[in-house]
Each structure stands twice: as C-alpha cells, then as structure tokens.
Amino acid sequence: MRAAFFLAALALHARAGQPLLVISVDGLDQRYLKDCDRLGLKIPHMRRLMREGQWSEGVAGVVPTITWPSHTTILSGVDPTVHGIRSTSGSLPVSAKGDPP
C-alpha cells in the first residue's frame, strides 16, 4: 500500500515538473479553512500555506470517512467502491481465488 502511494506521488511529481506536497488533515472540513477569518481561527501556519500555496475549496469527503479510503481516493480520483480500500485494517481485500486484487 505504501508503495502505491509513493509511486503515485512520484508520477504526479514527474508530470508537474516541480515539487508537490499534499497535506491532508484528518477530520478537517475545508469549510473551516474557507471561513477561517469569519470564524476567527488562530491558524497562522495553515493561513500561510493557503496564502503562499494552493488549496481547494471544492473538496468533498468520501464514505467511509477514514484515513486510508480518503487518501486512496485523493491519489486515485475514484470512490472507495471502485478502489476497494474501505478501512484502515491493514489487510488487502481478497478475491474469490484467494489472491489480492
């Protein structure tokens, strides 16, 4: 699994031609970042990253709202029903033949 994330990150880096850093904060709804001024949030480091980098207002979470399925969706662009990662159990799904897909 870690190798898949690493390879996906390398592929994105090669395509972009410049370094890419993706920061994911578990449980942080993007609406808090969008409304951080109105909410009076004291998040100076996040504000700087938002100001000097890129961030997305259109992020929608996936179900289940668990780290591995969410991160796999971010990297693959497909829903957990397609990529098959539905938990953080650490075990791979097994096909009818008993082999990992």
PDB file of N, CA and C in Angstrom:
ATOM      1  N   MET A   1       0.823  -1.189   0.000  1.00  0.00           N
ATOM      2  CA  MET A   1       0.000   0.000   0.000  1.00  0.00           C
ATOM      3  C   MET A   1       0.869   1.255   0.000  1.00  0.00           C
ATOM      4  N   ARG A   2       1.863   1.290   0.871  1.00  0.00           N
ATOM      5  CA  ARG A   2       2.738   2.462   0.913  1.00  0.00           C
ATOM      6  C   ARG A   2       3.456   2.660  -0.410  1.00  0.00           C
ATOM      7  N   ALA A   3       3.819   1.559  -1.052  1.00  0.00           N
ATOM      8  CA  ALA A   3       4.492   1.650  -2.347  1.00  0.00           C
ATOM      9  C   ALA A   3       3.581   2.291  -3.378  1.00  0.00           C
ATOM     10  N   ALA A   4       2.280   1.982  -3.326  1.00  0.00           N
ATOM     11  CA  ALA A   4       1.333   2.572  -4.275  1.00  0.00           C
ATOM     12  C   ALA A   4       1.248   4.078  -4.073  1.00  0.00           C
ATOM     13  N   PHE A   5       1.188   4.528  -2.823  1.00  0.00           N
ATOM     14  CA  PHE A   5       1.161   5.966  -2.556  1.00  0.00           C
ATOM     15  C   PHE A   5       2.445   6.628  -3.051  1.00  0.00           C
ATOM     16  N   PHE A   6       3.578   5.992  -2.786  1.00  0.00           N
ATOM     17  CA  PHE A   6       4.861   6.540  -3.201  1.00  0.00           C
ATOM     18  C   PHE A   6       4.941   6.650  -4.721  1.00  0.00           C
ATOM     19  N   LEU A   7       4.527   5.597  -5.423  1.00  0.00           N
ATOM     20  CA  LEU A   7       4.568   5.620  -6.888  1.00  0.00           C
ATOM     21  C   LEU A   7       3.619   6.661  -7.457  1.00  0.00           C
ATOM     22  N   ALA A   8       2.450   6.803  -6.847  1.00  0.00           N
ATOM     23  CA  ALA A   8       1.501   7.816  -7.309  1.00  0.00           C
ATOM     24  C   ALA A   8       2.076   9.218  -7.104  1.00  0.00           C
ATOM     25  N   ALA A   9       2.716   9.438  -5.969  1.00  0.00           N
ATOM     26  CA  ALA A   9       3.329  10.742  -5.707  1.00  0.00           C
ATOM     27  C   ALA A   9       4.449  11.025  -6.699  1.00  0.00           C
ATOM     28  N   LEU A  10       5.260  10.017  -7.001  1.00  0.00           N
ATOM     29  CA  LEU A  10       6.321  10.195  -7.994  1.00  0.00           C
ATOM     30  C   LEU A  10       5.753  10.531  -9.366  1.00  0.00           C
ATOM     31  N   ALA A  11       4.686   9.857  -9.746  1.00  0.00           N
ATOM     32  CA  ALA A  11       4.065  10.116 -11.046  1.00  0.00           C
ATOM     33  C   ALA A  11       3.537  11.535 -11.116  1.00  0.00           C
ATOM     34  N   LEU A  12       2.911  12.006 -10.044  1.00  0.00           N
ATOM     35  CA  LEU A  12       2.411  13.380 -10.021  1.00  0.00           C
ATOM     36  C   LEU A  12       3.562  14.377 -10.099  1.00  0.00           C
ATOM     37  N   HIS A  13       4.634  14.093  -9.375  1.00  0.00           N
ATOM     38  CA  HIS A  13       5.799  14.979  -9.393  1.00  0.00           C
ATOM     39  C   HIS A  13       6.394  15.071 -10.796  1.00  0.00           C
ATOM     40  N   ALA A  14       6.547  13.943 -11.455  1.00  0.00           N
ATOM     41  CA  ALA A  14       7.129  13.928 -12.800  1.00  0.00           C
ATOM     42  C   ALA A  14       6.255  14.705 -13.771  1.00  0.00           C
ATOM     43  N   ARG A  15       4.958  14.590 -13.645  1.00  0.00           N
ATOM     44  CA  ARG A  15       4.043  15.288 -14.546  1.00  0.00           C
ATOM     45  C   ARG A  15       4.048  16.790 -14.286  1.00  0.00           C
ATOM     46  N   ALA A  16       4.131  17.208 -13.024  1.00  0.00           N
ATOM     47  CA  ALA A  16       4.057  18.620 -12.670  1.00  0.00           C
ATOM     48  C   ALA A  16       5.335  19.369 -13.011  1.00  0.00           C
ATOM     49  N   GLY A  17       6.478  18.685 -12.991  1.00  0.00           N
ATOM     50  CA  GLY A  17       7.743  19.360 -13.275  1.00  0.00           C
ATOM     51  C   GLY A  17       8.246  20.206 -12.115  1.00  0.00           C
ATOM     52  N   GLN A  18       7.568  20.181 -10.998  1.00  0.00           N
ATOM     53  CA  GLN A  18       8.012  20.892  -9.806  1.00  0.00           C
ATOM     54  C   GLN A  18       7.559  20.099  -8.580  1.00  0.00           C
ATOM     55  N   PRO A  19       8.162  20.357  -7.429  1.00  0.00           N
ATOM     56  CA  PRO A  19       7.795  19.587  -6.242  1.00  0.00           C
ATOM     57  C   PRO A  19       6.311  19.750  -5.897  1.00  0.00           C
ATOM     58  N   LEU A  20       5.743  18.678  -5.383  1.00  0.00           N
ATOM     59  CA  LEU A  20       4.346  18.678  -4.968  1.00  0.00           C
ATOM     60  C   LEU A  20       4.263  18.134  -3.555  1.00  0.00           C
ATOM     61  N   LEU A  21       3.596  18.864  -2.689  1.00  0.00           N
ATOM     62  CA  LEU A  21       3.373  18.430  -1.317  1.00  0.00           C
ATOM     63  C   LEU A  21       1.875  18.460  -1.084  1.00  0.00           C
ATOM     64  N   VAL A  22       1.309  17.325  -0.716  1.00  0.00           N
ATOM     65  CA  VAL A  22      -0.115  17.243  -0.413  1.00  0.00           C
ATOM     66  C   VAL A  22      -0.248  17.090   1.093  1.00  0.00           C
ATOM     67  N   ILE A  23      -0.991  18.003   1.710  1.00  0.00           N
ATOM     68  CA  ILE A  23      -1.218  17.951   3.151  1.00  0.00           C
ATOM     69  C   ILE A  23      -2.677  17.613   3.380  1.00  0.00           C
ATOM     70  N   SER A  24      -2.899  16.572   4.142  1.00  0.00           N
ATOM     71  CA  SER A  24      -4.246  16.154   4.489  1.00  0.00           C
ATOM     72  C   SER A  24      -4.358  16.147   6.000  1.00  0.00           C
ATOM     73  N   VAL A  25      -5.357  16.836   6.520  1.00  0.00           N
ATOM     74  CA  VAL A  25      -5.577  16.871   7.959  1.00  0.00           C
ATOM     75  C   VAL A  25      -6.857  16.093   8.243  1.00  0.00           C
ATOM     76  N   ASP A  26      -6.710  14.951   8.916  1.00  0.00           N
ATOM     77  CA  ASP A  26      -7.879  14.110   9.222  1.00  0.00           C
ATOM     78  C   ASP A  26      -8.957  14.916   9.935  1.00  0.00           C
ATOM     79  N   GLY A  27     -10.168  14.805   9.434  1.00  0.00           N
ATOM     80  CA  GLY A  27     -11.314  15.425  10.078  1.00  0.00           C
ATOM     81  C   GLY A  27     -11.469  16.909   9.836  1.00  0.00           C
ATOM     82  N   LEU A  28     -10.590  17.528   9.065  1.00  0.00           N
ATOM     83  CA  LEU A  28     -10.681  18.965   8.826  1.00  0.00           C
ATOM     84  C   LEU A  28     -11.535  19.221   7.597  1.00  0.00           C
ATOM     85  N   ASP A  29     -12.709  19.741   7.818  1.00  0.00           N
ATOM     86  CA  ASP A  29     -13.617  20.101   6.732  1.00  0.00           C
ATOM     87  C   ASP A  29     -13.090  21.380   6.078  1.00  0.00           C
ATOM     88  N   GLN A  30     -13.008  21.400   4.750  1.00  0.00           N
ATOM     89  CA  GLN A  30     -12.459  22.559   4.043  1.00  0.00           C
ATOM     90  C   GLN A  30     -13.231  23.841   4.330  1.00  0.00           C
ATOM     91  N   ARG A  31     -14.477  23.731   4.788  1.00  0.00           N
ATOM     92  CA  ARG A  31     -15.257  24.931   5.091  1.00  0.00           C
ATOM     93  C   ARG A  31     -14.654  25.716   6.250  1.00  0.00           C
ATOM     94  N   TYR A  32     -13.953  25.037   7.171  1.00  0.00           N
ATOM     95  CA  TYR A  32     -13.274  25.761   8.249  1.00  0.00           C
ATOM     96  C   TYR A  32     -12.168  26.642   7.683  1.00  0.00           C
ATOM     97  N   LEU A  33     -11.450  26.129   6.689  1.00  0.00           N
ATOM     98  CA  LEU A  33     -10.393  26.931   6.073  1.00  0.00           C
ATOM     99  C   LEU A  33     -10.983  28.074   5.281  1.00  0.00           C
ATOM    100  N   LYS A  34     -12.039  27.790   4.527  1.00  0.00           N
ATOM    101  CA  LYS A  34     -12.685  28.819   3.710  1.00  0.00           C
ATOM    102  C   LYS A  34     -13.212  29.958   4.586  1.00  0.00           C
ATOM    103  N   ASP A  35     -13.730  29.636   5.761  1.00  0.00           N
ATOM    104  CA  ASP A  35     -14.332  30.631   6.648  1.00  0.00           C
ATOM    105  C   ASP A  35     -13.452  30.973   7.843  1.00  0.00           C
ATOM    106  N   CYS A  36     -12.143  30.740   7.737  1.00  0.00           N
ATOM    107  CA  CYS A  36     -11.263  30.914   8.897  1.00  0.00           C
ATOM    108  C   CYS A  36     -11.273  32.345   9.435  1.00  0.00           C
ATOM    109  N   ASP A  37     -11.384  33.360   8.559  1.00  0.00           N
ATOM    110  CA  ASP A  37     -11.432  34.743   9.044  1.00  0.00           C
ATOM    111  C   ASP A  37     -12.721  34.993   9.822  1.00  0.00           C
ATOM    112  N   ARG A  38     -13.842  34.593   9.233  1.00  0.00           N
ATOM    113  CA  ARG A  38     -15.144  34.804   9.872  1.00  0.00           C
ATOM    114  C   ARG A  38     -15.227  34.061  11.200  1.00  0.00           C
ATOM    115  N   LEU A  39     -14.611  32.876  11.259  1.00  0.00           N
ATOM    116  CA  LEU A  39     -14.642  32.070  12.478  1.00  0.00           C
ATOM    117  C   LEU A  39     -13.587  32.484  13.497  1.00  0.00           C
ATOM    118  N   GLY A  40     -12.677  33.379  13.084  1.00  0.00           N
ATOM    119  CA  GLY A  40     -11.629  33.850  13.993  1.00  0.00           C
ATOM    120  C   GLY A  40     -10.635  32.770  14.379  1.00  0.00           C
ATOM    121  N   LEU A  41     -10.377  31.835  13.465  1.00  0.00           N
ATOM    122  CA  LEU A  41      -9.461  30.738  13.775  1.00  0.00           C
ATOM    123  C   LEU A  41      -8.022  31.230  13.843  1.00  0.00           C
ATOM    124  N   LYS A  42      -7.324  30.787  14.851  1.00  0.00           N
ATOM    125  CA  LYS A  42      -5.913  31.138  15.034  1.00  0.00           C
ATOM    126  C   LYS A  42      -5.068  30.007  14.459  1.00  0.00           C
ATOM    127  N   ILE A  43      -4.861  30.048  13.154  1.00  0.00           N
ATOM    128  CA  ILE A  43      -4.126  29.003  12.436  1.00  0.00           C
ATOM    129  C   ILE A  43      -3.088  29.669  11.516  1.00  0.00           C
ATOM    130  N   PRO A  44      -2.081  30.330  12.105  1.00  0.00           N
ATOM    131  CA  PRO A  44      -1.145  31.101  11.286  1.00  0.00           C
ATOM    132  C   PRO A  44      -0.379  30.270  10.255  1.00  0.00           C
ATOM    133  N   HIS A  45      -0.006  29.047  10.593  1.00  0.00           N
ATOM    134  CA  HIS A  45       0.758  28.230   9.646  1.00  0.00           C
ATOM    135  C   HIS A  45      -0.115  27.764   8.484  1.00  0.00           C
ATOM    136  N   MET A  46      -1.345  27.370   8.798  1.00  0.00           N
ATOM    137  CA  MET A  46      -2.267  26.983   7.725  1.00  0.00           C
ATOM    138  C   MET A  46      -2.590  28.186   6.845  1.00  0.00           C
ATOM    139  N   ARG A  47      -2.772  29.350   7.440  1.00  0.00           N
ATOM    140  CA  ARG A  47      -3.048  30.568   6.657  1.00  0.00           C
ATOM    141  C   ARG A  47      -1.892  30.864   5.705  1.00  0.00           C
ATOM    142  N   ARG A  48      -0.663  30.700   6.190  1.00  0.00           N
ATOM    143  CA  ARG A  48       0.490  30.952   5.326  1.00  0.00           C
ATOM    144  C   ARG A  48       0.541  29.955   4.174  1.00  0.00           C
ATOM    145  N   LEU A  49       0.306  28.680   4.468  1.00  0.00           N
ATOM    146  CA  LEU A  49       0.276  27.679   3.398  1.00  0.00           C
ATOM    147  C   LEU A  49      -0.807  28.000   2.375  1.00  0.00           C
ATOM    148  N   MET A  50      -1.966  28.431   2.838  1.00  0.00           N
ATOM    149  CA  MET A  50      -3.050  28.790   1.930  1.00  0.00           C
ATOM    150  C   MET A  50      -2.685  30.014   1.086  1.00  0.00           C
ATOM    151  N   ARG A  51      -2.035  30.985   1.714  1.00  0.00           N
ATOM    152  CA  ARG A  51      -1.666  32.230   1.034  1.00  0.00           C
ATOM    153  C   ARG A  51      -0.552  32.017   0.009  1.00  0.00           C
ATOM    154  N   GLU A  52       0.437  31.201   0.362  1.00  0.00           N
ATOM    155  CA  GLU A  52       1.606  31.049  -0.491  1.00  0.00           C
ATOM    156  C   GLU A  52       1.566  29.819  -1.389  1.00  0.00           C
ATOM    157  N   GLY A  53       0.602  28.947  -1.169  1.00  0.00           N
ATOM    158  CA  GLY A  53       0.492  27.731  -1.962  1.00  0.00           C
ATOM    159  C   GLY A  53      -0.857  27.635  -2.649  1.00  0.00           C
ATOM    160  N   GLN A  54      -1.332  26.443  -2.775  1.00  0.00           N
ATOM    161  CA  GLN A  54      -2.637  26.187  -3.390  1.00  0.00           C
ATOM    162  C   GLN A  54      -3.492  25.395  -2.410  1.00  0.00           C
ATOM    163  N   TRP A  55      -4.783  25.599  -2.476  1.00  0.00           N
ATOM    164  CA  TRP A  55      -5.705  24.797  -1.689  1.00  0.00           C
ATOM    165  C   TRP A  55      -7.024  24.735  -2.436  1.00  0.00           C
ATOM    166  N   SER A  56      -7.838  23.794  -2.071  1.00  0.00           N
ATOM    167  CA  SER A  56      -9.074  23.568  -2.815  1.00  0.00           C
ATOM    168  C   SER A  56     -10.292  23.833  -1.956  1.00  0.00           C
ATOM    169  N   GLU A  57     -11.227  24.609  -2.496  1.00  0.00           N
ATOM    170  CA  GLU A  57     -12.498  24.843  -1.811  1.00  0.00           C
ATOM    171  C   GLU A  57     -13.515  23.757  -2.137  1.00  0.00           C
ATOM    172  N   GLY A  58     -13.245  22.954  -3.142  1.00  0.00           N
ATOM    173  CA  GLY A  58     -14.240  22.004  -3.609  1.00  0.00           C
ATOM    174  C   GLY A  58     -14.057  20.579  -3.139  1.00  0.00           C
ATOM    175  N   VAL A  59     -13.343  20.387  -2.050  1.00  0.00           N
ATOM    176  CA  VAL A  59     -13.096  19.023  -1.569  1.00  0.00           C
ATOM    177  C   VAL A  59     -14.353  18.476  -0.903  1.00  0.00           C
ATOM    178  N   ALA A  60     -14.736  17.296  -1.313  1.00  0.00           N
ATOM    179  CA  ALA A  60     -15.868  16.608  -0.685  1.00  0.00           C
ATOM    180  C   ALA A  60     -15.367  15.277  -0.158  1.00  0.00           C
ATOM    181  N   GLY A  61     -15.645  14.990   1.092  1.00  0.00           N
ATOM    182  CA  GLY A  61     -15.196  13.748   1.698  1.00  0.00           C
ATOM    183  C   GLY A  61     -15.897  12.535   1.104  1.00  0.00           C
ATOM    184  N   VAL A  62     -15.294  11.383   1.322  1.00  0.00           N
ATOM    185  CA  VAL A  62     -15.871  10.126   0.848  1.00  0.00           C
ATOM    186  C   VAL A  62     -16.308   9.300   2.051  1.00  0.00           C
ATOM    187  N   VAL A  63     -17.179   8.361   1.801  1.00  0.00           N
ATOM    188  CA  VAL A  63     -17.639   7.444   2.846  1.00  0.00           C
ATOM    189  C   VAL A  63     -17.048   6.085   2.550  1.00  0.00           C
ATOM    190  N   PRO A  64     -16.367   5.462   3.488  1.00  0.00           N
ATOM    191  CA  PRO A  64     -16.271   5.865   4.883  1.00  0.00           C
ATOM    192  C   PRO A  64     -15.254   6.995   5.071  1.00  0.00           C
ATOM    193  N   THR A  65     -15.483   7.825   6.073  1.00  0.00           N
ATOM    194  CA  THR A  65     -14.604   8.965   6.342  1.00  0.00           C
ATOM    195  C   THR A  65     -13.440   8.506   7.219  1.00  0.00           C
ATOM    196  N   ILE A  66     -12.599   7.664   6.641  1.00  0.00           N
ATOM    197  CA  ILE A  66     -11.451   7.077   7.328  1.00  0.00           C
ATOM    198  C   ILE A  66     -10.208   7.407   6.504  1.00  0.00           C
ATOM    199  N   THR A  67      -9.061   7.509   7.147  1.00  0.00           N
ATOM    200  CA  THR A  67      -7.831   7.957   6.504  1.00  0.00           C
ATOM    201  C   THR A  67      -7.489   7.207   5.222  1.00  0.00           C
ATOM    202  N   TRP A  68      -7.315   5.897   5.271  1.00  0.00           N
ATOM    203  CA  TRP A  68      -6.852   5.168   4.078  1.00  0.00           C
ATOM    204  C   TRP A  68      -7.805   5.281   2.903  1.00  0.00           C
ATOM    205  N   PRO A  69      -9.119   5.074   3.099  1.00  0.00           N
ATOM    206  CA  PRO A  69     -10.012   5.249   1.956  1.00  0.00           C
ATOM    207  C   PRO A  69      -9.977   6.674   1.400  1.00  0.00           C
ATOM    208  N   SER A  70      -9.930   7.656   2.293  1.00  0.00           N
ATOM    209  CA  SER A  70      -9.895   9.053   1.847  1.00  0.00           C
ATOM    210  C   SER A  70      -8.626   9.356   1.063  1.00  0.00           C
ATOM    211  N   HIS A  71      -7.477   8.946   1.575  1.00  0.00           N
ATOM    212  CA  HIS A  71      -6.212   9.226   0.893  1.00  0.00           C
ATOM    213  C   HIS A  71      -6.106   8.466  -0.425  1.00  0.00           C
ATOM    214  N   THR A  72      -6.612   7.254  -0.459  1.00  0.00           N
ATOM    215  CA  THR A  72      -6.598   6.494  -1.717  1.00  0.00           C
ATOM    216  C   THR A  72      -7.467   7.185  -2.756  1.00  0.00           C
ATOM    217  N   THR A  73      -8.590   7.737  -2.338  1.00  0.00           N
ATOM    218  CA  THR A  73      -9.446   8.492  -3.253  1.00  0.00           C
ATOM    219  C   THR A  73      -8.751   9.747  -3.742  1.00  0.00           C
ATOM    220  N   ILE A  74      -8.046  10.451  -2.861  1.00  0.00           N
ATOM    221  CA  ILE A  74      -7.302  11.653  -3.269  1.00  0.00           C
ATOM    222  C   ILE A  74      -6.285  11.305  -4.350  1.00  0.00           C
ATOM    223  N   LEU A  75      -5.540  10.219  -4.152  1.00  0.00           N
ATOM    224  CA  LEU A  75      -4.492   9.840  -5.104  1.00  0.00           C
ATOM    225  C   LEU A  75      -5.029   9.218  -6.387  1.00  0.00           C
ATOM    226  N   SER A  76      -6.110   8.459  -6.271  1.00  0.00           N
ATOM    227  CA  SER A  76      -6.607   7.735  -7.449  1.00  0.00           C
ATOM    228  C   SER A  76      -7.714   8.476  -8.191  1.00  0.00           C
ATOM    229  N   GLY A  77      -8.439   9.325  -7.474  1.00  0.00           N
ATOM    230  CA  GLY A  77      -9.545  10.038  -8.100  1.00  0.00           C
ATOM    231  C   GLY A  77     -10.809   9.217  -8.237  1.00  0.00           C
ATOM    232  N   VAL A  78     -10.843   8.049  -7.599  1.00  0.00           N
ATOM    233  CA  VAL A  78     -12.042   7.214  -7.675  1.00  0.00           C
ATOM    234  C   VAL A  78     -12.578   6.920  -6.275  1.00  0.00           C
ATOM    235  N   ASP A  79     -13.844   6.583  -6.219  1.00  0.00           N
ATOM    236  CA  ASP A  79     -14.556   6.300  -4.988  1.00  0.00           C
ATOM    237  C   ASP A  79     -14.083   4.981  -4.358  1.00  0.00           C
ATOM    238  N   PRO A  80     -14.215   4.846  -3.020  1.00  0.00           N
ATOM    239  CA  PRO A  80     -13.847   3.582  -2.374  1.00  0.00           C
ATOM    240  C   PRO A  80     -14.553   2.358  -2.953  1.00  0.00           C
ATOM    241  N   THR A  81     -15.746   2.532  -3.500  1.00  0.00           N
ATOM    242  CA  THR A  81     -16.428   1.395  -4.114  1.00  0.00           C
ATOM    243  C   THR A  81     -15.694   0.909  -5.353  1.00  0.00           C
ATOM    244  N   VAL A  82     -14.851   1.776  -5.933  1.00  0.00           N
ATOM    245  CA  VAL A  82     -14.066   1.406  -7.115  1.00  0.00           C
ATOM    246  C   VAL A  82     -12.681   0.907  -6.709  1.00  0.00           C
ATOM    247  N   HIS A  83     -11.959   1.677  -5.852  1.00  0.00           N
ATOM    248  CA  HIS A  83     -10.586   1.265  -5.496  1.00  0.00           C
ATOM    249  C   HIS A  83     -10.548   0.175  -4.436  1.00  0.00           C
ATOM    250  N   GLY A  84     -11.628  -0.047  -3.698  1.00  0.00           N
ATOM    251  CA  GLY A  84     -11.708  -1.178  -2.783  1.00  0.00           C
ATOM    252  C   GLY A  84     -11.116  -0.982  -1.403  1.00  0.00           C
ATOM    253  N   ILE A  85     -10.506   0.174  -1.122  1.00  0.00           N
ATOM    254  CA  ILE A  85      -9.949   0.412   0.212  1.00  0.00           C
ATOM    255  C   ILE A  85     -11.065   1.005   1.059  1.00  0.00           C
ATOM    256  N   ARG A  86     -11.541   0.216   2.019  1.00  0.00           N
ATOM    257  CA  ARG A  86     -12.700   0.649   2.805  1.00  0.00           C
ATOM    258  C   ARG A  86     -12.423   0.721   4.306  1.00  0.00           C
ATOM    259  N   SER A  87     -11.181   0.447   4.702  1.00  0.00           N
ATOM    260  CA  SER A  87     -10.863   0.503   6.132  1.00  0.00           C
ATOM    261  C   SER A  87      -9.373   0.762   6.304  1.00  0.00           C
ATOM    262  N   THR A  88      -8.961   0.865   7.549  1.00  0.00           N
ATOM    263  CA  THR A  88      -7.540   1.024   7.876  1.00  0.00           C
ATOM    264  C   THR A  88      -7.005  -0.239   8.538  1.00  0.00           C
ATOM    265  N   SER A  89      -7.625  -1.371   8.231  1.00  0.00           N
ATOM    266  CA  SER A  89      -7.264  -2.621   8.885  1.00  0.00           C
ATOM    267  C   SER A  89      -5.871  -3.119   8.518  1.00  0.00           C
ATOM    268  N   GLY A  90      -5.333  -2.638   7.415  1.00  0.00           N
ATOM    269  CA  GLY A  90      -4.005  -3.063   7.010  1.00  0.00           C
ATOM    270  C   GLY A  90      -3.987  -4.317   6.174  1.00  0.00           C
ATOM    271  N   SER A  91      -5.129  -4.954   5.986  1.00  0.00           N
ATOM    272  CA  SER A  91      -5.166  -6.147   5.155  1.00  0.00           C
ATOM    273  C   SER A  91      -5.770  -5.815   3.801  1.00  0.00           C
ATOM    274  N   LEU A  92      -5.285  -6.493   2.782  1.00  0.00           N
ATOM    275  CA  LEU A  92      -5.797  -6.277   1.437  1.00  0.00           C
ATOM    276  C   LEU A  92      -7.057  -7.091   1.223  1.00  0.00           C
ATOM    277  N   PRO A  93      -7.980  -6.566   0.404  1.00  0.00           N
ATOM    278  CA  PRO A  93      -9.141  -7.394   0.074  1.00  0.00           C
ATOM    279  C   PRO A  93      -8.673  -8.632  -0.699  1.00  0.00           C
ATOM    280  N   VAL A  94      -9.400  -9.709  -0.565  1.00  0.00           N
ATOM    281  CA  VAL A  94      -9.020 -10.960  -1.209  1.00  0.00           C
ATOM    282  C   VAL A  94     -10.069 -11.318  -2.251  1.00  0.00           C
ATOM    283  N   SER A  95      -9.594 -11.748  -3.431  1.00  0.00           N
ATOM    284  CA  SER A  95     -10.516 -12.139  -4.496  1.00  0.00           C
ATOM    285  C   SER A  95     -11.069 -13.528  -4.202  1.00  0.00           C
ATOM    286  N   ALA A  96     -11.974 -13.970  -5.051  1.00  0.00           N
ATOM    287  CA  ALA A  96     -12.574 -15.305  -4.891  1.00  0.00           C
ATOM    288  C   ALA A  96     -11.513 -16.400  -4.979  1.00  0.00           C
ATOM    289  N   LYS A  97     -10.412 -16.142  -5.681  1.00  0.00           N
ATOM    290  CA  LYS A  97      -9.334 -17.129  -5.823  1.00  0.00           C
ATOM    291  C   LYS A  97      -8.388 -17.108  -4.605  1.00  0.00           C
ATOM    292  N   GLY A  98      -8.565 -16.115  -3.725  1.00  0.00           N
ATOM    293  CA  GLY A  98      -7.695 -16.018  -2.560  1.00  0.00           C
ATOM    294  C   GLY A  98      -6.480 -15.136  -2.781  1.00  0.00           C
ATOM    295  N   ASP A  99      -6.376 -14.496  -3.945  1.00  0.00           N
ATOM    296  CA  ASP A  99      -5.263 -13.607  -4.245  1.00  0.00           C
ATOM    297  C   ASP A  99      -5.689 -12.163  -4.060  1.00  0.00           C
ATOM    298  N   PRO A 100      -4.758 -11.282  -3.624  1.00  0.00           N
ATOM    299  CA  PRO A 100      -5.088  -9.850  -3.578  1.00  0.00           C
ATOM    300  C   PRO A 100      -5.415  -9.381  -5.001  1.00  0.00           C
ATOM    301  N   PRO A 101      -6.339  -8.428  -5.109  1.00  0.00           N
ATOM    302  CA  PRO A 101      -6.707  -7.942  -6.446  1.00  0.00           C
ATOM    303  C   PRO A 101      -5.562  -7.234  -7.137  1.00  0.00           C
TER     304      PRO A 101
END
